[in-house]
C-alpha atoms as a PDB file:
ATOM      1  CA  MET A   1       0.025  -0.137   0.074  1.00  0.00           C
ATOM      2  CA  PRO A   2       1.382   3.275  -0.872  1.00  0.00           C
ATOM      3  CA  SER A   3       2.458   5.449   2.058  1.00  0.00           C
ATOM      4  CA  GLY A   4       3.700   9.028   2.046  1.00  0.00           C
ATOM      5  CA  PRO A   5       3.985  10.925  -1.146  1.00  0.00           C
ATOM      6  CA  TYR A   6       3.379   8.986  -4.361  1.00  0.00           C
ATOM      7  CA  ASP A   7       2.261   9.651  -7.910  1.00  0.00           C
ATOM      8  CA  MET A   8      -0.600   8.381 -10.061  1.00  0.00           C
ATOM      9  CA  ARG A   9       1.025   5.507 -11.229  1.00  0.00           C
ATOM     10  CA  GLN A  10       1.577   4.014  -7.664  1.00  0.00           C
ATOM     11  CA  TYR A  11      -2.178   4.554  -7.245  1.00  0.00           C
ATOM     12  CA  VAL A  12      -3.171   2.930 -10.439  1.00  0.00           C
ATOM     13  CA  GLU A  13      -0.706   0.066  -9.687  1.00  0.00           C
ATOM     14  CA  PHE A  14      -2.330  -0.587  -6.146  1.00  0.00           C
ATOM     15  CA  ALA A  15      -6.058  -0.245  -7.305  1.00  0.00           C
ATOM     16  CA  HIS A  16      -5.425  -2.356  -9.995  1.00  0.00           C
ATOM     17  CA  THR A  17      -3.926  -5.151  -7.509  1.00  0.00           C
ATOM     18  CA  ILE A  18      -6.629  -4.852  -5.202  1.00  0.00           C
ATOM     19  CA  GLY A  19      -9.031  -5.274  -8.297  1.00  0.00           C
ATOM     20  CA  VAL A  20      -7.565  -8.532  -9.018  1.00  0.00           C
ATOM     21  CA  ALA A  21      -7.101  -9.998  -6.030  1.00  0.00           C
ATOM     22  CA  MET A  22     -10.776  -9.389  -4.927  1.00  0.00           C
ATOM     23  CA  LYS A  23     -11.912 -10.835  -8.245  1.00  0.00           C
ATOM     24  CA  ASN A  24     -10.006 -13.912  -7.966  1.00  0.00           C
ATOM     25  CA  ASN A  25     -10.832 -14.751  -4.213  1.00  0.00           C
ATOM     26  CA  PHE A  26     -14.181 -13.235  -3.664  1.00  0.00           C
ATOM     27  CA  PRO A  27     -17.474 -15.173  -4.636  1.00  0.00           C
ATOM     28  CA  ALA A  28     -19.147 -13.844  -7.442  1.00  0.00           C
ATOM     29  CA  GLU A  29     -22.708 -14.775  -6.518  1.00  0.00           C
ATOM     30  CA  TRP A  30     -23.019 -11.956  -4.156  1.00  0.00           C
ATOM     31  CA  ARG A  31     -25.472  -9.212  -5.552  1.00  0.00           C
ATOM     32  CA  SER A  32     -23.138  -6.415  -4.492  1.00  0.00           C
ATOM     33  CA  TRP A  33     -20.443  -5.334  -2.360  1.00  0.00           C
ATOM     34  CA  LYS A  34     -22.754  -4.842   0.477  1.00  0.00           C
ATOM     35  CA  TYR A  35     -24.458  -7.929   0.865  1.00  0.00           C
ATOM     36  CA  VAL A  36     -20.833  -9.609   1.240  1.00  0.00           C
ATOM     37  CA  LEU A  37     -20.368 -10.602   5.031  1.00  0.00           C
ATOM     38  CA  GLU A  38     -18.247  -8.562   7.093  1.00  0.00           C
ATOM     39  CA  ASN A  39     -16.091 -11.656   7.847  1.00  0.00           C
ATOM     40  CA  VAL A  40     -15.367 -12.285   3.933  1.00  0.00           C
ATOM     41  CA  LYS A  41     -14.679  -8.457   3.841  1.00  0.00           C
ATOM     42  CA  LYS A  42     -11.659  -8.939   6.478  1.00  0.00           C
ATOM     43  CA  VAL A  43     -10.235 -11.926   5.184  1.00  0.00           C
ATOM     44  CA  HIS A  44      -7.860  -9.858   2.816  1.00  0.00           C
ATOM     45  CA  HIS A  45      -5.887 -12.459   0.229  1.00  0.00           C
ATOM     46  CA  TYR A  46      -2.855  -9.907   0.071  1.00  0.00           C
ATOM     47  CA  ASP A  47      -0.296  -9.254   2.464  1.00  0.00           C
ATOM     48  CA  LEU A  48      -1.472  -5.994   4.422  1.00  0.00           C
ATOM     49  CA  THR A  49      -0.934  -5.656   8.062  1.00  0.00           C
ATOM     50  CA  ASN A  50      -1.105  -2.846  10.546  1.00  0.00           C
ATOM     51  CA  LEU A  51      -3.971  -1.160   8.859  1.00  0.00           C
ATOM     52  CA  ASN A  52      -5.674   1.975  10.716  1.00  0.00           C
ATOM     53  CA  ALA A  53      -9.527   2.735  10.317  1.00  0.00           C
ATOM     54  CA  ASN A  54      -8.874   5.152   7.157  1.00  0.00           C
ATOM     55  CA  GLN A  55      -6.671   2.755   5.533  1.00  0.00           C
ATOM     56  CA  ASN A  56      -9.236  -0.262   6.090  1.00  0.00           C
ATOM     57  CA  GLN A  57     -12.035   2.250   4.669  1.00  0.00           C
ATOM     58  CA  TYR A  58     -10.050   3.354   1.605  1.00  0.00           C
ATOM     59  CA  ILE A  59      -9.504  -0.251   0.905  1.00  0.00           C
ATOM     60  CA  ASN A  60     -13.026  -1.217   1.306  1.00  0.00           C
ATOM     61  CA  ASN A  61     -14.244   1.563  -0.992  1.00  0.00           C
ATOM     62  CA  LEU A  62     -11.967   0.296  -3.738  1.00  0.00           C
ATOM     63  CA  CYS A  63     -13.036  -3.234  -3.530  1.00  0.00           C
ATOM     64  CA  ALA A  64     -16.675  -1.990  -3.595  1.00  0.00           C
ATOM     65  CA  GLY A  65     -15.839  -0.247  -6.946  1.00  0.00           C
ATOM     66  CA  ARG A  66     -13.916  -2.773  -8.411  1.00  0.00           C
ATOM     67  CA  PHE A  67     -16.500  -5.415  -7.302  1.00  0.00           C
ATOM     68  CA  THR A  68     -19.416  -3.301  -8.790  1.00  0.00           C
ATOM     69  CA  GLN A  69     -17.400  -2.698 -12.251  1.00  0.00           C
ATOM     70  CA  TRP A  70     -16.619  -6.479 -12.098  1.00  0.00           C
ATOM     71  CA  LYS A  71     -20.059  -7.615 -11.883  1.00  0.00           C
ATOM     72  CA  SER A  72     -21.292  -5.088 -14.647  1.00  0.00           C
ATOM     73  CA  ASP A  73     -18.633  -6.497 -16.838  1.00  0.00           C
ATOM     74  CA  LEU A  74     -19.953 -10.207 -16.464  1.00  0.00           C
ATOM     75  CA  PRO A  75     -23.164  -9.799 -18.161  1.00  0.00           C
ATOM     76  CA  LYS A  76     -21.529  -7.830 -21.417  1.00  0.00           C
ATOM     77  CA  HIS A  77     -19.024 -11.013 -21.325  1.00  0.00           C
ATOM     78  CA  TYR A  78     -22.123 -13.159 -21.323  1.00  0.00           C
ATOM     79  CA  GLU A  79     -23.889 -11.581 -24.172  1.00  0.00           C
ATOM     80  CA  LYS A  80     -20.876 -11.936 -26.780  1.00  0.00           C
ATOM     81  CA  TYR A  81     -21.601 -15.514 -27.045  1.00  0.00           C
ATOM     82  CA  ASP A  82     -24.338 -17.183 -28.786  1.00  0.00           C
ATOM     83  CA  GLY A  83     -26.625 -19.465 -26.607  1.00  0.00           C
ATOM     84  CA  LEU A  84     -26.434 -20.933 -22.956  1.00  0.00           C
ATOM     85  CA  GLU A  85     -24.333 -24.005 -23.968  1.00  0.00           C
ATOM     86  CA  VAL A  86     -21.812 -21.900 -26.100  1.00  0.00           C
ATOM     87  CA  VAL A  87     -20.970 -20.041 -23.037  1.00  0.00           C
ATOM     88  CA  LEU A  88     -20.945 -22.430 -20.530  1.00  0.00           C
ATOM     89  CA  ALA A  89     -18.591 -24.528 -22.809  1.00  0.00           C
ATOM     90  CA  ASP A  90     -16.264 -21.724 -24.164  1.00  0.00           C
ATOM     91  CA  GLY A  91     -17.016 -18.301 -22.349  1.00  0.00           C
ATOM     92  CA  CYS A  92     -15.587 -18.843 -18.841  1.00  0.00           C
ATOM     93  CA  PRO A  93     -13.819 -15.705 -17.843  1.00  0.00           C
ATOM     94  CA  ILE A  94     -10.198 -16.161 -16.527  1.00  0.00           C
ATOM     95  CA  GLU A  95     -10.980 -15.377 -12.812  1.00  0.00           C
ATOM     96  CA  LEU A  96     -13.541 -17.816 -12.821  1.00  0.00           C
ATOM     97  CA  VAL A  97     -11.759 -20.933 -14.389  1.00  0.00           C
ATOM     98  CA  ASP A  98     -10.941 -22.687 -11.259  1.00  0.00           C
ATOM     99  CA  ARG A  99     -14.676 -21.497 -10.002  1.00  0.00           C
ATOM    100  CA  ARG A 100     -16.904 -23.182 -12.786  1.00  0.00           C
ATOM    101  CA  ASP A 101     -19.903 -23.614 -10.265  1.00  0.00           C
ATOM    102  CA  GLU A 102     -20.140 -20.026  -9.889  1.00  0.00           C
ATOM    103  CA  TRP A 103     -20.069 -19.255 -13.786  1.00  0.00           C
ATOM    104  CA  GLU A 104     -22.763 -21.637 -14.096  1.00  0.00           C
ATOM    105  CA  LEU A 105     -24.634 -20.061 -11.560  1.00  0.00           C
ATOM    106  CA  LEU A 106     -24.499 -16.761 -13.120  1.00  0.00           C
ATOM    107  CA  CYS A 107     -25.198 -18.100 -16.624  1.00  0.00           C
ATOM    108  CA  GLY A 108     -28.379 -19.358 -15.461  1.00  0.00           C
ATOM    109  CA  HIS A 109     -29.232 -16.166 -13.810  1.00  0.00           C
ATOM    110  CA  PHE A 110     -28.589 -14.355 -17.010  1.00  0.00           C
ATOM    111  CA  HIS A 111     -30.584 -16.620 -18.934  1.00  0.00           C
ATOM    112  CA  ASP A 112     -33.592 -16.473 -16.387  1.00  0.00           C
ATOM    113  CA  GLU A 113     -36.803 -14.829 -17.813  1.00  0.00           C
ATOM    114  CA  ARG A 114     -36.996 -12.730 -14.993  1.00  0.00           C
ATOM    115  CA  TYR A 115     -33.865 -10.999 -15.479  1.00  0.00           C
ATOM    116  CA  LEU A 116     -34.407 -10.842 -19.107  1.00  0.00           C
ATOM    117  CA  LYS A 117     -37.642  -8.877 -18.463  1.00  0.00           C
ATOM    118  CA  LYS A 118     -35.971  -6.799 -15.816  1.00  0.00           C
ATOM    119  CA  VAL A 119     -33.142  -5.926 -18.381  1.00  0.00           C
ATOM    120  CA  LYS A 120     -35.828  -4.759 -21.127  1.00  0.00           C
ATOM    121  CA  ALA A 121     -37.827  -2.665 -18.884  1.00  0.00           C
ATOM    122  CA  ASN A 122     -34.440  -0.884 -17.623  1.00  0.00           C
ATOM    123  CA  SER A 123     -33.487  -0.272 -21.422  1.00  0.00           C
ATOM    124  CA  ILE A 124     -36.975   1.073 -22.226  1.00  0.00           C
ATOM    125  CA  ASN A 125     -36.877   3.413 -19.226  1.00  0.00           C
ATOM    126  CA  ARG A 126     -33.521   4.722 -20.082  1.00  0.00           C
ATOM    127  CA  LEU A 127     -34.533   5.600 -23.577  1.00  0.00           C
ATOM    128  CA  LYS A 128     -37.436   7.544 -21.945  1.00  0.00           C
ATOM    129  CA  LYS A 129     -35.165  10.064 -19.824  1.00  0.00           C
ATOM    130  CA  LYS A 130     -35.181  13.575 -20.939  1.00  0.00           C
ATOM    131  CA  LEU A 131     -31.907  14.431 -19.022  1.00  0.00           C
ATOM    132  CA  PHE A 132     -29.094  11.979 -18.108  1.00  0.00           C
ATOM    133  CA  HIS A 133     -28.117  11.482 -14.514  1.00  0.00           C
ATOM    134  CA  CYS A 134     -24.652  11.493 -15.228  1.00  0.00           C
ATOM    135  CA  PHE A 135     -22.147  13.746 -17.499  1.00  0.00           C
ATOM    136  CA  GLY A 136     -19.312  11.607 -18.181  1.00  0.00           C
ATOM    137  CA  SER A 137     -18.406   9.349 -15.370  1.00  0.00           C
ATOM    138  CA  ARG A 138     -19.885  11.682 -12.635  1.00  0.00           C
ATOM    139  CA  ARG A 139     -23.383  12.542 -11.933  1.00  0.00           C
ATOM    140  CA  PHE A 140     -24.685  16.015 -12.265  1.00  0.00           C
ATOM    141  CA  SER A 141     -25.483  16.249  -8.379  1.00  0.00           C
ATOM    142  CA  TYR A 142     -21.983  16.069  -7.621  1.00  0.00           C
ATOM    143  CA  ARG A 143     -20.933  18.481 -10.186  1.00  0.00           C
ATOM    144  CA  LEU A 144     -23.544  20.882  -8.506  1.00  0.00           C
ATOM    145  CA  GLU A 145     -22.063  20.040  -5.139  1.00  0.00           C
ATOM    146  CA  GLU A 146     -18.591  21.279  -6.423  1.00  0.00           C
ATOM    147  CA  GLN A 147     -20.023  24.332  -8.142  1.00  0.00           C
ATOM    148  CA  ARG A 148     -20.961  25.771  -4.875  1.00  0.00           C
ATOM    149  CA  LYS A 149     -17.490  25.754  -3.318  1.00  0.00           C
ATOM    150  CA  PHE A 150     -15.117  28.624  -3.515  1.00  0.00           C
ATOM    151  CA  PRO A 151     -12.267  27.859  -6.233  1.00  0.00           C
ATOM    152  CA  LYS A 152     -10.022  30.456  -4.491  1.00  0.00           C
ATOM    153  CA  ILE A 153     -10.458  28.842  -1.043  1.00  0.00           C
ATOM    154  CA  GLU A 154      -9.150  25.555  -2.442  1.00  0.00           C
ATOM    155  CA  MET A 155      -6.450  27.124  -4.368  1.00  0.00           C
ATOM    156  CA  PHE A 156      -5.372  28.857  -1.182  1.00  0.00           C
ATOM    157  CA  LYS A 157      -4.999  25.429   0.560  1.00  0.00           C
ATOM    158  CA  LYS A 158      -3.260  23.948  -2.239  1.00  0.00           C
ATOM    159  CA  VAL A 159      -0.571  26.649  -2.351  1.00  0.00           C
ATOM    160  CA  TYR A 160      -0.122  28.021   0.927  1.00  0.00           C
ATOM    161  CA  VAL A 161      -1.269  25.307   3.361  1.00  0.00           C
ATOM    162  CA  ARG A 162       1.662  23.069   4.616  1.00  0.00           C
ATOM    163  CA  PRO A 163       1.777  20.447   7.587  1.00  0.00           C
ATOM    164  CA  GLY A 164       2.813  22.305  10.632  1.00  0.00           C
ATOM    165  CA  ASP A 165       2.089  25.813   9.277  1.00  0.00           C
ATOM    166  CA  GLU A 166      -0.669  26.970  11.967  1.00  0.00           C
ATOM    167  CA  LEU A 167      -1.161  30.397  10.487  1.00  0.00           C
ATOM    168  CA  THR A 168      -1.952  29.089   7.286  1.00  0.00           C
ATOM    169  CA  GLU A 169      -4.136  26.561   8.529  1.00  0.00           C
ATOM    170  CA  GLN A 170      -6.312  28.864  10.837  1.00  0.00           C
ATOM    171  CA  LEU A 171      -6.500  31.323   7.803  1.00  0.00           C
ATOM    172  CA  HIS A 172      -7.805  28.452   5.647  1.00  0.00           C
ATOM    173  CA  SER A 173     -10.154  27.353   8.382  1.00  0.00           C
ATOM    174  CA  THR A 174     -11.607  31.076   8.826  1.00  0.00           C
ATOM    175  CA  MET A 175     -12.238  31.053   5.103  1.00  0.00           C
ATOM    176  CA  VAL A 176     -13.943  27.875   5.306  1.00  0.00           C
ATOM    177  CA  ASP A 177     -16.294  28.888   8.104  1.00  0.00           C
ATOM    178  CA  LYS A 178     -17.006  31.946   6.188  1.00  0.00           C
ATOM    179  CA  GLY A 179     -17.646  30.463   2.808  1.00  0.00           C
ATOM    180  CA  GLN A 180     -19.994  27.893   4.763  1.00  0.00           C
ATOM    181  CA  THR A 181     -21.896  30.919   6.166  1.00  0.00           C
ATOM    182  CA  VAL A 182     -22.538  32.290   2.646  1.00  0.00           C
ATOM    183  CA  LEU A 183     -23.766  29.012   1.133  1.00  0.00           C
ATOM    184  CA  GLU A 184     -26.117  28.842   3.734  1.00  0.00           C
ATOM    185  CA  GLU A 185     -27.565  32.235   3.049  1.00  0.00           C
ATOM    186  CA  VAL A 186     -27.594  31.352  -0.814  1.00  0.00           C
ATOM    187  CA  ALA A 187     -29.063  27.990  -0.182  1.00  0.00           C
ATOM    188  CA  SER A 188     -32.116  29.567   0.731  1.00  0.00           C
ATOM    189  CA  GLN A 189     -32.772  31.102  -2.725  1.00  0.00           C
ATOM    190  CA  LEU A 190     -31.075  29.074  -5.191  1.00  0.00           C
ATOM    191  CA  PRO A 191     -32.382  25.322  -4.704  1.00  0.00           C
ATOM    192  CA  PRO A 192     -35.943  26.289  -4.870  1.00  0.00           C
ATOM    193  CA  ILE A 193     -35.771  28.031  -8.049  1.00  0.00           C
ATOM    194  CA  MET A 194     -33.686  25.049  -9.390  1.00  0.00           C
ATOM    195  CA  MET A 195     -36.149  22.587  -8.086  1.00  0.00           C
ATOM    196  CA  ASP A 196     -39.237  24.606  -9.434  1.00  0.00           C
ATOM    197  CA  THR A 197     -37.691  24.912 -12.902  1.00  0.00           C
ATOM    198  CA  LEU A 198     -37.088  20.890 -12.957  1.00  0.00           C
ATOM    199  CA  ASP A 199     -40.834  20.632 -11.537  1.00  0.00           C
ATOM    200  CA  GLN A 200     -42.332  22.441 -14.180  1.00  0.00           C
ATOM    201  CA  THR A 201     -40.465  20.808 -16.820  1.00  0.00           C
ATOM    202  CA  LEU A 202     -39.902  17.280 -15.808  1.00  0.00           C
ATOM    203  CA  GLY A 203     -42.948  16.964 -13.221  1.00  0.00           C
ATOM    204  CA  HIS A 204     -42.859  16.296  -9.577  1.00  0.00           C
ATOM    205  CA  ARG A 205     -41.880  12.717  -8.175  1.00  0.00           C
ATOM    206  CA  ARG A 206     -42.020  11.708  -4.376  1.00  0.00           C
ATOM    207  CA  GLY A 207     -39.077  10.821  -2.551  1.00  0.00           C
ATOM    208  CA  ASN A 208     -35.526  11.613  -2.549  1.00  0.00           C
ATOM    209  CA  VAL A 209     -34.747  11.003  -6.027  1.00  0.00           C
ATOM    210  CA  HIS A 210     -34.901  13.924  -7.998  1.00  0.00           C
ATOM    211  CA  ARG A 211     -36.301  13.540 -11.889  1.00  0.00           C
ATOM    212  CA  GLY A 212     -32.952  14.706 -13.823  1.00  0.00           C
ATOM    213  CA  LEU A 213     -30.552  14.891 -11.289  1.00  0.00           C
ATOM    214  CA  GLY A 214     -30.764  11.242  -9.437  1.00  0.00           C
ATOM    215  CA  LYS A 215     -29.938  11.320  -5.692  1.00  0.00           C
ATOM    216  CA  ALA A 216     -29.211  14.819  -5.573  1.00  0.00           C
ATOM    217  CA  ARG A 217     -27.857  15.958  -2.196  1.00  0.00           C
ATOM    218  CA  LEU A 218     -30.020  19.161  -1.507  1.00  0.00           C
ATOM    219  CA  TRP A 219     -30.300  21.057   1.628  1.00  0.00           C
ATOM    220  CA  ASP A 220     -33.734  20.508   3.367  1.00  0.00           C
ATOM    221  CA  LEU A 221     -35.277  23.946   3.389  1.00  0.00           C
ATOM    222  CA  SER A 222     -38.609  23.320   4.883  1.00  0.00           C
ATOM    223  CA  THR A 223     -40.069  20.774   7.166  1.00  0.00           C
ATOM    224  CA  SER A 224     -41.723  17.960   5.035  1.00  0.00           C
ATOM    225  CA  SER A 225     -45.591  17.902   4.876  1.00  0.00           C
ATOM    226  CA  SER A 226     -45.727  14.547   6.705  1.00  0.00           C
ATOM    227  CA  LYS A 227     -43.865  16.029   9.541  1.00  0.00           C
ATOM    228  CA  LEU A 228     -46.090  19.104   9.741  1.00  0.00           C
ATOM    229  CA  ARG A 229     -49.228  16.878   9.729  1.00  0.00           C
ATOM    230  CA  THR A 230     -47.607  14.649  12.484  1.00  0.00           C
ATOM    231  CA  GLU A 231     -47.025  17.780  14.599  1.00  0.00           C
ATOM    232  CA  GLU A 232     -50.749  19.010  13.980  1.00  0.00           C
ATOM    233  CA  VAL A 233     -52.123  15.513  15.016  1.00  0.00           C
ATOM    234  CA  GLU A 234     -49.857  15.668  18.069  1.00  0.00           C
ATOM    235  CA  SER A 235     -51.004  19.199  18.995  1.00  0.00           C
ATOM    236  CA  LEU A 236     -54.634  18.205  18.279  1.00  0.00           C
ATOM    237  CA  THR A 237     -54.467  14.941  20.174  1.00  0.00           C
ATOM    238  CA  SER A 238     -52.866  17.007  23.467  1.00  0.00           C
ATOM    239  CA  GLU A 239     -55.740  19.842  23.047  1.00  0.00           C
ATOM    240  CA  VAL A 240     -58.564  17.084  22.977  1.00  0.00           C
ATOM    241  CA  ALA A 241     -57.079  15.484  26.240  1.00  0.00           C
ATOM    242  CA  ASP A 242     -56.786  18.567  27.907  1.00  0.00           C
ATOM    243  CA  LEU A 243     -60.636  19.323  26.867  1.00  0.00           C
ATOM    244  CA  LYS A 244     -61.576  15.929  28.510  1.00  0.00           C
ATOM    245  CA  GLU A 245     -59.612  16.305  31.559  1.00  0.00           C
ATOM    246  CA  GLN A 246     -61.541  19.994  31.925  1.00  0.00           C
ATOM    247  CA  THR A 247     -65.010  18.487  30.984  1.00  0.00           C
ATOM    248  CA  ALA A 248     -64.441  15.069  33.806  1.00  0.00           C
ATOM    249  CA  ALA A 249     -63.276  17.853  36.216  1.00  0.00           C
ATOM    250  CA  GLN A 250     -66.643  20.036  35.667  1.00  0.00           C
ATOM    251  CA  GLN A 251     -68.655  16.830  35.818  1.00  0.00           C
ATOM    252  CA  SER A 252     -67.233  15.634  39.130  1.00  0.00           C
ATOM    253  CA  GLN A 253     -67.759  19.114  40.262  1.00  0.00           C
ATOM    254  CA  LEU A 254     -71.392  19.410  39.394  1.00  0.00           C
ATOM    255  CA  ALA A 255     -71.928  15.714  40.658  1.00  0.00           C
ATOM    256  CA  ALA A 256     -70.498  17.216  44.285  1.00  0.00           C
ATOM    257  CA  GLN A 257     -72.821  19.811  44.223  1.00  0.00           C
ATOM    258  CA  SER A 258     -75.670  17.844  43.476  1.00  0.00           C
ATOM    259  CA  SER A 259     -74.794  15.379  46.187  1.00  0.00           C
ATOM    260  CA  LEU A 260     -74.413  18.092  48.553  1.00  0.00           C
ATOM    261  CA  MET A 261     -77.848  19.720  47.638  1.00  0.00           C
ATOM    262  CA  ASN A 262     -79.723  16.205  47.868  1.00  0.00           C
ATOM    263  CA  GLN A 263     -77.975  15.740  51.350  1.00  0.00           C
ATOM    264  CA  ILE A 264     -79.141  19.505  52.631  1.00  0.00           C
ATOM    265  CA  ARG A 265     -82.555  18.583  51.203  1.00  0.00           C
ATOM    266  CA  LEU A 266     -82.798  15.470  52.931  1.00  0.00           C
ATOM    267  CA  THR A 267     -81.706  17.311  56.230  1.00  0.00           C
ATOM    268  CA  LEU A 268     -84.608  19.741  56.080  1.00  0.00           C
ATOM    269  CA  GLN A 269     -87.065  17.022  55.211  1.00  0.00           C
ATOM    270  CA  ILE A 270     -86.346  15.279  58.343  1.00  0.00           C
ATOM    271  CA  SER A 271     -86.505  18.460  60.419  1.00  0.00           C
ATOM    272  CA  SER A 272     -90.453  18.772  59.219  1.00  0.00           C
ATOM    273  CA  ILE A 273     -89.508  21.623  57.037  1.00  0.00           C
ATOM    274  CA  ARG A 274     -90.758  21.750  53.564  1.00  0.00           C
ATOM    275  CA  PHE A 275     -88.112  22.579  50.924  1.00  0.00           C
ATOM    276  CA  SER A 276     -89.614  22.945  47.674  1.00  0.00           C
ATOM    277  CA  ASP A 277     -87.631  22.887  44.636  1.00  0.00           C
ATOM    278  CA  VAL A 278     -85.613  25.911  43.695  1.00  0.00           C
ATOM    279  CA  GLU A 279     -87.484  27.714  40.835  1.00  0.00           C
ATOM    280  CA  PRO A 280     -86.530  31.203  39.210  1.00  0.00           C
ATOM    281  CA  PRO A 281     -88.520  34.316  40.278  1.00  0.00           C
ATOM    282  CA  PRO A 282     -91.670  34.985  38.305  1.00  0.00           C
ATOM    283  CA  ALA A 283     -90.944  37.660  35.962  1.00  0.00           C
ATOM    284  CA  THR A 284     -92.764  40.847  37.357  1.00  0.00           C
ATOM    285  CA  SER A 285     -92.445  44.679  37.093  1.00  0.00           C
ATOM    286  CA  GLN A 286     -93.752  45.154  40.416  1.00  0.00           C
ATOM    287  CA  PRO A 287     -91.362  46.503  43.279  1.00  0.00           C
ATOM    288  CA  THR A 288     -89.847  44.601  45.991  1.00  0.00           C
ATOM    289  CA  ALA A 289     -91.385  46.512  48.469  1.00  0.00           C
ATOM    290  CA  THR A 290     -94.858  45.913  47.091  1.00  0.00           C
ATOM    291  CA  VAL A 291     -94.279  42.416  47.000  1.00  0.00           C
ATOM    292  CA  ALA A 292     -93.277  42.404  50.667  1.00  0.00           C
ATOM    293  CA  LYS A 293     -96.288  44.232  51.714  1.00  0.00           C
ATOM    294  CA  THR A 294     -98.807  41.905  49.882  1.00  0.00           C
ATOM    295  CA  SER A 295     -97.072  38.785  51.762  1.00  0.00           C
ATOM    296  CA  GLN A 296     -97.679  40.410  55.259  1.00  0.00           C
ATOM    297  CA  PRO A 297    -101.358  39.492  55.500  1.00  0.00           C
ATOM    298  CA  GLN A 298    -100.710  35.791  54.587  1.00  0.00           C
ATOM    299  CA  ARG A 299     -98.453  35.926  57.824  1.00  0.00           C
ATOM    300  CA  SER A 300    -101.130  37.493  59.964  1.00  0.00           C
ATOM    301  CA  SER A 301    -103.856  35.151  58.962  1.00  0.00           C
ATOM    302  CA  ASN A 302    -101.596  32.192  59.578  1.00  0.00           C
ATOM    303  CA  THR A 303    -101.154  33.665  63.065  1.00  0.00           C
ATOM    304  CA  THR A 304    -104.775  34.241  63.606  1.00  0.00           C
ATOM    305  CA  SER A 305    -105.721  30.697  62.588  1.00  0.00           C
ATOM    306  CA  ARG A 306    -102.902  29.185  65.133  1.00  0.00           C
ATOM    307  CA  GLN A 307    -104.188  31.476  68.048  1.00  0.00           C
ATOM    308  CA  LEU A 308    -107.986  30.135  67.115  1.00  0.00           C
END
């Protein structure tokens, strides 16, 4: 593994060695690199020891890229031959000569009707695309991400920043922080315009895959509608629960008052005092003093009847 300063030739040679070792030793029946078991990934068939976390991640990324490229080359190699019998007899790749069973398994997969139907559907869908996701070997989204960076800051880093130079490192960090602040301010304006244009041209599609851009890495400028609905439902649920508690408290208070009134009425009845039901006073325009005077003769008549 190259350590320290190295040129592009060393990098290419090392990557090629990793790819050859991976193709000659890792099983071909795995669908993709992420499905390969971790214990299989860690069993390196090349002499590399004392690797740190960054080096292991670098090798894992190399293996993933080489494995994906290799799996995409196998169907193209299969299509060069006419028929399943011919490709089984004469078309085995060099890296699978000692693993004929894996090649037979792959040929059966390439000859399966479900696989052929899927390939045909993908070909039709690619022809329907109005914009390609990639320009050359890189996606548009990655190129858009790079355009948001400041080239002068990158140039300052390449020209002036050196290991151990604290002043230039501090200046570069300050530039990066200010540049990030500017990007955050600009991001509130640029992505909505771009996405509105794409929606008008290509139509809207749910999910994180943006039509015309693929899996574009855009800033989340607003809360999703589903999250807003969830917050509204939670707020309404909380309000309903509070109203239910208030209603229950009022009902219990009314029940307590009714029970107290019944006890008072029962006590007065036991004391031989009639306690008529409380009724609202009759509507009258007669003054209160007049009503009091008219009620006095009734008291005197009652007193006379008691004396007799």
